Amino acid sequence: LRLKFCMGHFLIGSASMDCFSGCMSFLGLKQSSKGRKVVMLFGPPGAGKGTHAPKIESRMESPNLSTGDMLREAVAKGTDVGLAAKKIMNEGGLVSDEIVVGIIKDRITGSDCSKGFILDGFPRTVKQAEMLDVMLSKTGDKVDCVIEFNVPDEILEERICGRWIHKASGRSYHVKFAPPKSLQGRSPSVETMKDDATGEPLMQRPDDTAQALVKRLKEYHAQTEPILSRYKTVTHKINANQAMDKVWTDIDKVLPHLN
């Protein structure tokens, strides 16, 4: 076997790539990830991002990264940023933008992100977008495509209040538009709303109510929508207020530009 030496340690075989990455980082040098595609999914709550994200993942052969999932994973693994986030959450505080960006930075070093990745739910403010762009530039990456799911506010209440999710997988259902097989025309409840794949009970998010939606839409229009002007040259506005198959057709027309 051929041994490779790096910063005082001998490594064998495939470990040499990790060695190379570590040396680049230690020396403060940029490691290019040219060719990696970065996509953002934008839209108000209930616009359909969760419904179409699995198809986009499959189409791009790249993972859909939810900030909530990444945060829980970092805490579970006990990474440096995960431990910092856990301490703040245990104290009842809000995780800072710096920590969230740090968690994304760690996550996108994974081998499943070698072709690219999809950001869902981040950034939510202009400041977060600025921090993200700086972080991406350090590895030669940039946002290549923003898909905006556009739905009138008055349509969203019905979508939101009828939404149920499978917590473990993130699969999304709707009592009217995408009911699970278990519902069979009955009234929705924990007993009648079961995940198609596992048979496990579905749940409703605490903020999937008409009252919470008013606040969430206000925050989206005031803080998140302004981000779109930053990426206007790569933003594709999708009419998400149409049949799901037509929404996917419109999305699919955009995704080939990423290949």
C-alpha atoms as a PDB file:
ATOM      1  CA  LEU A   1       0.000   0.000   0.000  1.00  0.00           C
ATOM      2  CA  ARG A   2       1.160   3.510  -0.734  1.00  0.00           C
ATOM      3  CA  LEU A   3       1.344   5.832   2.274  1.00  0.00           C
ATOM      4  CA  LYS A   4       0.740   9.561   2.007  1.00  0.00           C
ATOM      5  CA  PHE A   5       2.039  12.048   4.540  1.00  0.00           C
ATOM      6  CA  CYS A   6       0.048  15.076   5.643  1.00  0.00           C
ATOM      7  CA  MET A   7       0.709  17.463   8.560  1.00  0.00           C
ATOM      8  CA  GLY A   8       2.563  14.812  10.536  1.00  0.00           C
ATOM      9  CA  HIS A   9       0.142  11.914   9.904  1.00  0.00           C
ATOM     10  CA  PHE A  10       0.319   8.931   7.578  1.00  0.00           C
ATOM     11  CA  LEU A  11      -2.863   8.138   5.630  1.00  0.00           C
ATOM     12  CA  ILE A  12      -3.704   5.203   3.387  1.00  0.00           C
ATOM     13  CA  GLY A  13      -5.750   5.051   0.180  1.00  0.00           C
ATOM     14  CA  SER A  14      -8.977   7.078   0.004  1.00  0.00           C
ATOM     15  CA  ALA A  15      -8.207   8.899   3.250  1.00  0.00           C
ATOM     16  CA  SER A  16      -5.746  10.998   1.241  1.00  0.00           C
ATOM     17  CA  MET A  17      -8.605  13.169  -0.050  1.00  0.00           C
ATOM     18  CA  ASP A  18      -9.663  14.007   3.511  1.00  0.00           C
ATOM     19  CA  CYS A  19      -6.040  14.807   4.203  1.00  0.00           C
ATOM     20  CA  PHE A  20      -5.914  17.146   1.212  1.00  0.00           C
ATOM     21  CA  SER A  21      -9.070  18.935   2.326  1.00  0.00           C
ATOM     22  CA  GLY A  22      -7.736  19.285   5.847  1.00  0.00           C
ATOM     23  CA  CYS A  23      -4.445  20.738   4.621  1.00  0.00           C
ATOM     24  CA  MET A  24      -6.230  23.245   2.395  1.00  0.00           C
ATOM     25  CA  SER A  25      -8.369  24.376   5.298  1.00  0.00           C
ATOM     26  CA  PHE A  26      -5.396  24.517   7.698  1.00  0.00           C
ATOM     27  CA  LEU A  27      -3.418  26.668   5.296  1.00  0.00           C
ATOM     28  CA  GLY A  28      -6.354  28.989   4.659  1.00  0.00           C
ATOM     29  CA  LEU A  29      -6.522  28.103   0.966  1.00  0.00           C
ATOM     30  CA  LYS A  30      -9.706  27.917  -1.097  1.00  0.00           C
ATOM     31  CA  GLN A  31     -10.672  24.441  -2.245  1.00  0.00           C
ATOM     32  CA  SER A  32     -12.717  24.810  -5.419  1.00  0.00           C
ATOM     33  CA  SER A  33     -15.964  22.896  -5.812  1.00  0.00           C
ATOM     34  CA  LYS A  34     -16.544  24.113  -9.356  1.00  0.00           C
ATOM     35  CA  GLY A  35     -19.469  22.444 -11.027  1.00  0.00           C
ATOM     36  CA  ARG A  36     -21.507  22.037  -7.831  1.00  0.00           C
ATOM     37  CA  LYS A  37     -25.030  23.448  -8.224  1.00  0.00           C
ATOM     38  CA  VAL A  38     -26.775  25.367  -5.452  1.00  0.00           C
ATOM     39  CA  VAL A  39     -30.547  25.756  -5.586  1.00  0.00           C
ATOM     40  CA  MET A  40     -32.853  27.663  -3.240  1.00  0.00           C
ATOM     41  CA  LEU A  41     -36.540  26.971  -2.752  1.00  0.00           C
ATOM     42  CA  PHE A  42     -38.519  30.088  -1.884  1.00  0.00           C
ATOM     43  CA  GLY A  43     -42.164  30.569  -1.092  1.00  0.00           C
ATOM     44  CA  PRO A  44     -44.601  31.320   1.718  1.00  0.00           C
ATOM     45  CA  PRO A  45     -45.753  28.551   4.077  1.00  0.00           C
ATOM     46  CA  GLY A  46     -48.070  26.206   2.233  1.00  0.00           C
ATOM     47  CA  ALA A  47     -46.778  27.085  -1.233  1.00  0.00           C
ATOM     48  CA  GLY A  48     -45.724  23.502  -2.008  1.00  0.00           C
ATOM     49  CA  LYS A  49     -41.983  23.459  -1.397  1.00  0.00           C
ATOM     50  CA  GLY A  50     -42.178  20.315   0.727  1.00  0.00           C
ATOM     51  CA  THR A  51     -44.350  18.557  -1.831  1.00  0.00           C
ATOM     52  CA  HIS A  52     -41.966  19.047  -4.743  1.00  0.00           C
ATOM     53  CA  ALA A  53     -38.624  18.959  -2.905  1.00  0.00           C
ATOM     54  CA  PRO A  54     -38.250  15.129  -3.154  1.00  0.00           C
ATOM     55  CA  LYS A  55     -38.715  15.286  -6.941  1.00  0.00           C
ATOM     56  CA  ILE A  56     -36.150  18.080  -7.208  1.00  0.00           C
ATOM     57  CA  GLU A  57     -33.732  16.020  -5.088  1.00  0.00           C
ATOM     58  CA  SER A  58     -34.146  13.075  -7.437  1.00  0.00           C
ATOM     59  CA  ARG A  59     -33.822  15.233 -10.536  1.00  0.00           C
ATOM     60  CA  MET A  60     -30.612  16.890  -9.324  1.00  0.00           C
ATOM     61  CA  GLU A  61     -29.212  13.841  -7.500  1.00  0.00           C
ATOM     62  CA  SER A  62     -28.508  16.200  -4.610  1.00  0.00           C
ATOM     63  CA  PRO A  63     -29.929  16.474  -1.073  1.00  0.00           C
ATOM     64  CA  ASN A  64     -32.610  18.897   0.070  1.00  0.00           C
ATOM     65  CA  LEU A  65     -31.211  20.607   3.178  1.00  0.00           C
ATOM     66  CA  SER A  66     -33.661  21.834   5.802  1.00  0.00           C
ATOM     67  CA  THR A  67     -32.129  24.082   8.458  1.00  0.00           C
ATOM     68  CA  GLY A  68     -34.226  22.401  11.150  1.00  0.00           C
ATOM     69  CA  ASP A  69     -33.056  18.926  10.159  1.00  0.00           C
ATOM     70  CA  MET A  70     -29.420  20.056   9.890  1.00  0.00           C
ATOM     71  CA  LEU A  71     -29.607  21.695  13.317  1.00  0.00           C
ATOM     72  CA  ARG A  72     -30.995  18.545  14.952  1.00  0.00           C
ATOM     73  CA  GLU A  73     -28.371  16.410  13.184  1.00  0.00           C
ATOM     74  CA  ALA A  74     -25.510  18.667  14.320  1.00  0.00           C
ATOM     75  CA  VAL A  75     -26.770  18.572  17.921  1.00  0.00           C
ATOM     76  CA  ALA A  76     -27.120  14.779  17.798  1.00  0.00           C
ATOM     77  CA  LYS A  77     -23.596  14.333  16.380  1.00  0.00           C
ATOM     78  CA  GLY A  78     -22.100  16.698  18.955  1.00  0.00           C
ATOM     79  CA  THR A  79     -20.231  18.854  16.427  1.00  0.00           C
ATOM     80  CA  ASP A  80     -18.734  22.138  17.627  1.00  0.00           C
ATOM     81  CA  VAL A  81     -21.534  24.233  16.145  1.00  0.00           C
ATOM     82  CA  GLY A  82     -24.077  21.631  17.248  1.00  0.00           C
ATOM     83  CA  LEU A  83     -22.911  21.870  20.866  1.00  0.00           C
ATOM     84  CA  ALA A  84     -23.002  25.674  20.679  1.00  0.00           C
ATOM     85  CA  ALA A  85     -26.566  25.525  19.321  1.00  0.00           C
ATOM     86  CA  LYS A  86     -27.633  23.017  21.992  1.00  0.00           C
ATOM     87  CA  LYS A  87     -26.370  25.270  24.771  1.00  0.00           C
ATOM     88  CA  ILE A  88     -28.339  28.235  23.430  1.00  0.00           C
ATOM     89  CA  MET A  89     -31.522  26.196  22.929  1.00  0.00           C
ATOM     90  CA  ASN A  90     -31.279  24.706  26.425  1.00  0.00           C
ATOM     91  CA  GLU A  91     -31.135  28.252  27.767  1.00  0.00           C
ATOM     92  CA  GLY A  92     -34.240  29.155  25.797  1.00  0.00           C
ATOM     93  CA  GLY A  93     -32.429  31.395  23.325  1.00  0.00           C
ATOM     94  CA  LEU A  94     -32.564  31.694  19.550  1.00  0.00           C
ATOM     95  CA  VAL A  95     -29.760  30.162  17.497  1.00  0.00           C
ATOM     96  CA  SER A  96     -27.717  32.922  15.846  1.00  0.00           C
ATOM     97  CA  ASP A  97     -27.250  33.393  12.109  1.00  0.00           C
ATOM     98  CA  GLU A  98     -23.553  32.627  12.560  1.00  0.00           C
ATOM     99  CA  ILE A  99     -24.302  29.223  14.056  1.00  0.00           C
ATOM    100  CA  VAL A 100     -26.853  28.357  11.360  1.00  0.00           C
ATOM    101  CA  VAL A 101     -24.387  29.280   8.595  1.00  0.00           C
ATOM    102  CA  GLY A 102     -21.735  27.236  10.400  1.00  0.00           C
ATOM    103  CA  ILE A 103     -24.024  24.211  10.444  1.00  0.00           C
ATOM    104  CA  ILE A 104     -24.670  24.577   6.696  1.00  0.00           C
ATOM    105  CA  LYS A 105     -20.929  24.949   6.081  1.00  0.00           C
ATOM    106  CA  ASP A 106     -20.261  21.665   7.871  1.00  0.00           C
ATOM    107  CA  ARG A 107     -23.158  19.835   6.208  1.00  0.00           C
ATOM    108  CA  ILE A 108     -22.237  20.664   2.615  1.00  0.00           C
ATOM    109  CA  THR A 109     -18.831  19.011   3.023  1.00  0.00           C
ATOM    110  CA  GLY A 110     -20.678  15.672   2.912  1.00  0.00           C
ATOM    111  CA  SER A 111     -20.093  13.401  -0.056  1.00  0.00           C
ATOM    112  CA  ASP A 112     -23.796  13.542  -0.971  1.00  0.00           C
ATOM    113  CA  CYS A 113     -23.345  17.260  -1.698  1.00  0.00           C
ATOM    114  CA  SER A 114     -20.605  16.684  -4.280  1.00  0.00           C
ATOM    115  CA  LYS A 115     -22.954  17.519  -7.173  1.00  0.00           C
ATOM    116  CA  GLY A 116     -24.764  20.259  -5.314  1.00  0.00           C
ATOM    117  CA  PHE A 117     -27.500  20.814  -2.751  1.00  0.00           C
ATOM    118  CA  ILE A 118     -30.905  22.404  -2.281  1.00  0.00           C
ATOM    119  CA  LEU A 119     -31.591  24.948   0.455  1.00  0.00           C
ATOM    120  CA  ASP A 120     -35.156  24.898   1.789  1.00  0.00           C
ATOM    121  CA  GLY A 121     -36.108  27.514   4.385  1.00  0.00           C
ATOM    122  CA  PHE A 122     -32.808  29.375   4.348  1.00  0.00           C
ATOM    123  CA  PRO A 123     -31.946  32.191   4.031  1.00  0.00           C
ATOM    124  CA  ARG A 124     -34.914  34.002   5.596  1.00  0.00           C
ATOM    125  CA  THR A 125     -33.425  37.479   5.852  1.00  0.00           C
ATOM    126  CA  VAL A 126     -31.172  39.642   3.690  1.00  0.00           C
ATOM    127  CA  LYS A 127     -28.438  39.420   6.344  1.00  0.00           C
ATOM    128  CA  GLN A 128     -28.541  35.620   6.205  1.00  0.00           C
ATOM    129  CA  ALA A 129     -28.325  35.739   2.396  1.00  0.00           C
ATOM    130  CA  GLU A 130     -25.248  37.967   2.591  1.00  0.00           C
ATOM    131  CA  MET A 131     -23.569  35.615   5.081  1.00  0.00           C
ATOM    132  CA  LEU A 132     -24.441  32.601   2.935  1.00  0.00           C
ATOM    133  CA  ASP A 133     -22.935  34.151  -0.201  1.00  0.00           C
ATOM    134  CA  VAL A 134     -19.688  34.899   1.642  1.00  0.00           C
ATOM    135  CA  MET A 135     -19.525  31.335   2.959  1.00  0.00           C
ATOM    136  CA  LEU A 136     -20.189  29.825  -0.477  1.00  0.00           C
ATOM    137  CA  SER A 137     -17.580  32.025  -2.157  1.00  0.00           C
ATOM    138  CA  LYS A 138     -14.858  30.497   0.011  1.00  0.00           C
ATOM    139  CA  THR A 139     -15.309  27.157  -1.770  1.00  0.00           C
ATOM    140  CA  GLY A 140     -15.933  28.621  -5.206  1.00  0.00           C
ATOM    141  CA  ASP A 141     -19.688  28.046  -4.956  1.00  0.00           C
ATOM    142  CA  LYS A 142     -22.599  30.389  -5.627  1.00  0.00           C
ATOM    143  CA  VAL A 143     -26.377  30.292  -5.820  1.00  0.00           C
ATOM    144  CA  ASP A 144     -27.214  29.026  -9.315  1.00  0.00           C
ATOM    145  CA  CYS A 145     -30.992  28.954  -9.208  1.00  0.00           C
ATOM    146  CA  VAL A 146     -33.827  30.247  -7.040  1.00  0.00           C
ATOM    147  CA  ILE A 147     -37.246  28.671  -7.514  1.00  0.00           C
ATOM    148  CA  GLU A 148     -40.001  30.919  -6.175  1.00  0.00           C
ATOM    149  CA  PHE A 149     -43.284  29.149  -5.442  1.00  0.00           C
ATOM    150  CA  ASN A 150     -45.871  31.874  -5.971  1.00  0.00           C
ATOM    151  CA  VAL A 151     -49.334  31.493  -4.388  1.00  0.00           C
ATOM    152  CA  PRO A 152     -51.813  34.271  -3.461  1.00  0.00           C
ATOM    153  CA  ASP A 153     -52.157  34.764   0.306  1.00  0.00           C
ATOM    154  CA  GLU A 154     -55.896  34.074   0.266  1.00  0.00           C
ATOM    155  CA  ILE A 155     -55.299  30.547  -1.093  1.00  0.00           C
ATOM    156  CA  LEU A 156     -52.796  29.579   1.588  1.00  0.00           C
ATOM    157  CA  GLU A 157     -55.116  29.244   4.593  1.00  0.00           C
ATOM    158  CA  GLU A 158     -56.898  26.192   3.178  1.00  0.00           C
ATOM    159  CA  ARG A 159     -53.574  24.634   2.261  1.00  0.00           C
ATOM    160  CA  ILE A 160     -51.964  25.270   5.643  1.00  0.00           C
ATOM    161  CA  CYS A 161     -54.820  24.224   7.901  1.00  0.00           C
ATOM    162  CA  GLY A 162     -55.281  20.929   6.039  1.00  0.00           C
ATOM    163  CA  ARG A 163     -51.606  19.992   6.063  1.00  0.00           C
ATOM    164  CA  TRP A 164     -50.261  16.968   7.959  1.00  0.00           C
ATOM    165  CA  ILE A 165     -46.676  15.704   7.959  1.00  0.00           C
ATOM    166  CA  HIS A 166     -44.715  12.545   8.697  1.00  0.00           C
ATOM    167  CA  LYS A 167     -42.190  13.870  11.186  1.00  0.00           C
ATOM    168  CA  ALA A 168     -39.421  11.317  10.604  1.00  0.00           C
ATOM    169  CA  SER A 169     -39.270  11.667   6.806  1.00  0.00           C
ATOM    170  CA  GLY A 170     -40.750  15.113   6.232  1.00  0.00           C
ATOM    171  CA  ARG A 171     -43.346  13.702   3.815  1.00  0.00           C
ATOM    172  CA  SER A 172     -46.262  16.088   3.487  1.00  0.00           C
ATOM    173  CA  TYR A 173     -49.957  15.306   3.072  1.00  0.00           C
ATOM    174  CA  HIS A 174     -53.161  17.327   2.797  1.00  0.00           C
ATOM    175  CA  VAL A 175     -56.676  16.267   3.783  1.00  0.00           C
ATOM    176  CA  LYS A 176     -58.069  17.626   0.487  1.00  0.00           C
ATOM    177  CA  PHE A 177     -55.265  17.907  -2.070  1.00  0.00           C
ATOM    178  CA  ALA A 178     -52.974  14.981  -1.147  1.00  0.00           C
ATOM    179  CA  PRO A 179     -54.660  12.724   1.423  1.00  0.00           C
ATOM    180  CA  PRO A 180     -52.939   9.595   2.730  1.00  0.00           C
ATOM    181  CA  LYS A 181     -54.450   6.255   1.729  1.00  0.00           C
ATOM    182  CA  SER A 182     -55.598   5.724   5.320  1.00  0.00           C
ATOM    183  CA  LEU A 183     -58.033   8.652   5.310  1.00  0.00           C
ATOM    184  CA  GLN A 184     -60.566   7.019   2.954  1.00  0.00           C
ATOM    185  CA  GLY A 185     -63.025   9.923   3.118  1.00  0.00           C
ATOM    186  CA  ARG A 186     -63.168   9.991   6.918  1.00  0.00           C
ATOM    187  CA  SER A 187     -62.586  12.967   9.200  1.00  0.00           C
ATOM    188  CA  PRO A 188     -58.881  13.703   9.688  1.00  0.00           C
ATOM    189  CA  SER A 189     -57.404  12.621  13.030  1.00  0.00           C
ATOM    190  CA  VAL A 190     -54.319  10.893  14.387  1.00  0.00           C
ATOM    191  CA  GLU A 191     -56.163   7.583  13.924  1.00  0.00           C
ATOM    192  CA  THR A 192     -57.099   8.198  10.266  1.00  0.00           C
ATOM    193  CA  MET A 193     -54.033  10.113   9.062  1.00  0.00           C
ATOM    194  CA  LYS A 194     -51.191   7.602   8.593  1.00  0.00           C
ATOM    195  CA  ASP A 195     -48.026   7.750   6.484  1.00  0.00           C
ATOM    196  CA  ASP A 196     -48.406   5.756   3.244  1.00  0.00           C
ATOM    197  CA  ALA A 197     -44.909   4.276   3.456  1.00  0.00           C
ATOM    198  CA  THR A 198     -44.633   3.364   7.145  1.00  0.00           C
ATOM    199  CA  GLY A 199     -48.192   3.402   8.495  1.00  0.00           C
ATOM    200  CA  GLU A 200     -47.017   5.683  11.297  1.00  0.00           C
ATOM    201  CA  PRO A 201     -49.320   8.473  12.571  1.00  0.00           C
ATOM    202  CA  LEU A 202     -49.024  11.869  10.920  1.00  0.00           C
ATOM    203  CA  MET A 203     -48.982  15.155  12.818  1.00  0.00           C
ATOM    204  CA  GLN A 204     -49.907  18.807  12.337  1.00  0.00           C
ATOM    205  CA  ARG A 205     -47.385  21.524  13.091  1.00  0.00           C
ATOM    206  CA  PRO A 206     -48.388  23.812  15.985  1.00  0.00           C
ATOM    207  CA  ASP A 207     -48.065  26.840  13.710  1.00  0.00           C
ATOM    208  CA  ASP A 208     -50.255  25.390  10.935  1.00  0.00           C
ATOM    209  CA  THR A 209     -53.267  27.424  12.069  1.00  0.00           C
ATOM    210  CA  ALA A 210     -55.107  30.372  10.542  1.00  0.00           C
ATOM    211  CA  GLN A 211     -53.975  32.636  13.393  1.00  0.00           C
ATOM    212  CA  ALA A 212     -50.311  31.697  13.078  1.00  0.00           C
ATOM    213  CA  LEU A 213     -50.446  31.997   9.287  1.00  0.00           C
ATOM    214  CA  VAL A 214     -51.209  35.735   9.440  1.00  0.00           C
ATOM    215  CA  LYS A 215     -47.992  36.345  11.405  1.00  0.00           C
ATOM    216  CA  ARG A 216     -45.930  33.989   9.245  1.00  0.00           C
ATOM    217  CA  LEU A 217     -47.048  35.655   6.011  1.00  0.00           C
ATOM    218  CA  LYS A 218     -46.308  39.096   7.425  1.00  0.00           C
ATOM    219  CA  GLU A 219     -42.762  37.991   8.283  1.00  0.00           C
ATOM    220  CA  TYR A 220     -42.321  36.344   4.886  1.00  0.00           C
ATOM    221  CA  HIS A 221     -43.345  39.458   2.924  1.00  0.00           C
ATOM    222  CA  ALA A 222     -41.323  41.819   5.131  1.00  0.00           C
ATOM    223  CA  GLN A 223     -38.119  39.830   5.698  1.00  0.00           C
ATOM    224  CA  THR A 224     -37.840  37.012   3.164  1.00  0.00           C
ATOM    225  CA  GLU A 225     -39.256  38.370  -0.109  1.00  0.00           C
ATOM    226  CA  PRO A 226     -36.614  41.177  -0.278  1.00  0.00           C
ATOM    227  CA  ILE A 227     -33.969  38.447  -0.687  1.00  0.00           C
ATOM    228  CA  LEU A 228     -35.290  37.700  -4.166  1.00  0.00           C
ATOM    229  CA  SER A 229     -33.957  40.992  -5.544  1.00  0.00           C
ATOM    230  CA  ARG A 230     -30.461  39.841  -4.538  1.00  0.00           C
ATOM    231  CA  TYR A 231     -30.791  36.786  -6.785  1.00  0.00           C
ATOM    232  CA  LYS A 232     -33.032  38.274  -9.484  1.00  0.00           C
ATOM    233  CA  THR A 233     -30.797  37.133 -12.348  1.00  0.00           C
ATOM    234  CA  VAL A 234     -31.210  33.466 -11.332  1.00  0.00           C
ATOM    235  CA  THR A 235     -34.771  33.530  -9.945  1.00  0.00           C
ATOM    236  CA  HIS A 236     -37.531  31.556 -11.659  1.00  0.00           C
ATOM    237  CA  LYS A 237     -41.079  32.427 -10.581  1.00  0.00           C
ATOM    238  CA  ILE A 238     -43.347  29.373 -10.611  1.00  0.00           C
ATOM    239  CA  ASN A 239     -47.139  29.555 -10.522  1.00  0.00           C
ATOM    240  CA  ALA A 240     -47.761  27.157  -7.628  1.00  0.00           C
ATOM    241  CA  ASN A 241     -51.506  27.855  -7.636  1.00  0.00           C
ATOM    242  CA  GLN A 242     -52.280  25.182 -10.226  1.00  0.00           C
ATOM    243  CA  ALA A 243     -52.484  21.398 -10.400  1.00  0.00           C
ATOM    244  CA  MET A 244     -49.438  19.678  -8.881  1.00  0.00           C
ATOM    245  CA  ASP A 245     -48.434  18.004 -12.127  1.00  0.00           C
ATOM    246  CA  LYS A 246     -48.440  21.375 -13.891  1.00  0.00           C
ATOM    247  CA  VAL A 247     -46.360  22.920 -11.105  1.00  0.00           C
ATOM    248  CA  TRP A 248     -43.817  20.115 -11.509  1.00  0.00           C
ATOM    249  CA  THR A 249     -43.743  20.579 -15.286  1.00  0.00           C
ATOM    250  CA  ASP A 250     -42.850  24.245 -14.788  1.00  0.00           C
ATOM    251  CA  ILE A 251     -40.167  23.361 -12.241  1.00  0.00           C
ATOM    252  CA  ASP A 252     -38.724  20.692 -14.512  1.00  0.00           C
ATOM    253  CA  LYS A 253     -38.323  23.263 -17.277  1.00  0.00           C
ATOM    254  CA  VAL A 254     -36.025  25.237 -14.988  1.00  0.00           C
ATOM    255  CA  LEU A 255     -33.931  22.379 -13.606  1.00  0.00           C
ATOM    256  CA  PRO A 256     -32.329  21.294 -16.908  1.00  0.00           C
ATOM    257  CA  HIS A 257     -30.434  24.608 -16.890  1.00  0.00           C
ATOM    258  CA  LEU A 258     -28.533  23.264 -13.891  1.00  0.00           C
ATOM    259  CA  ASN A 259     -27.085  20.269 -15.708  1.00  0.00           C
END
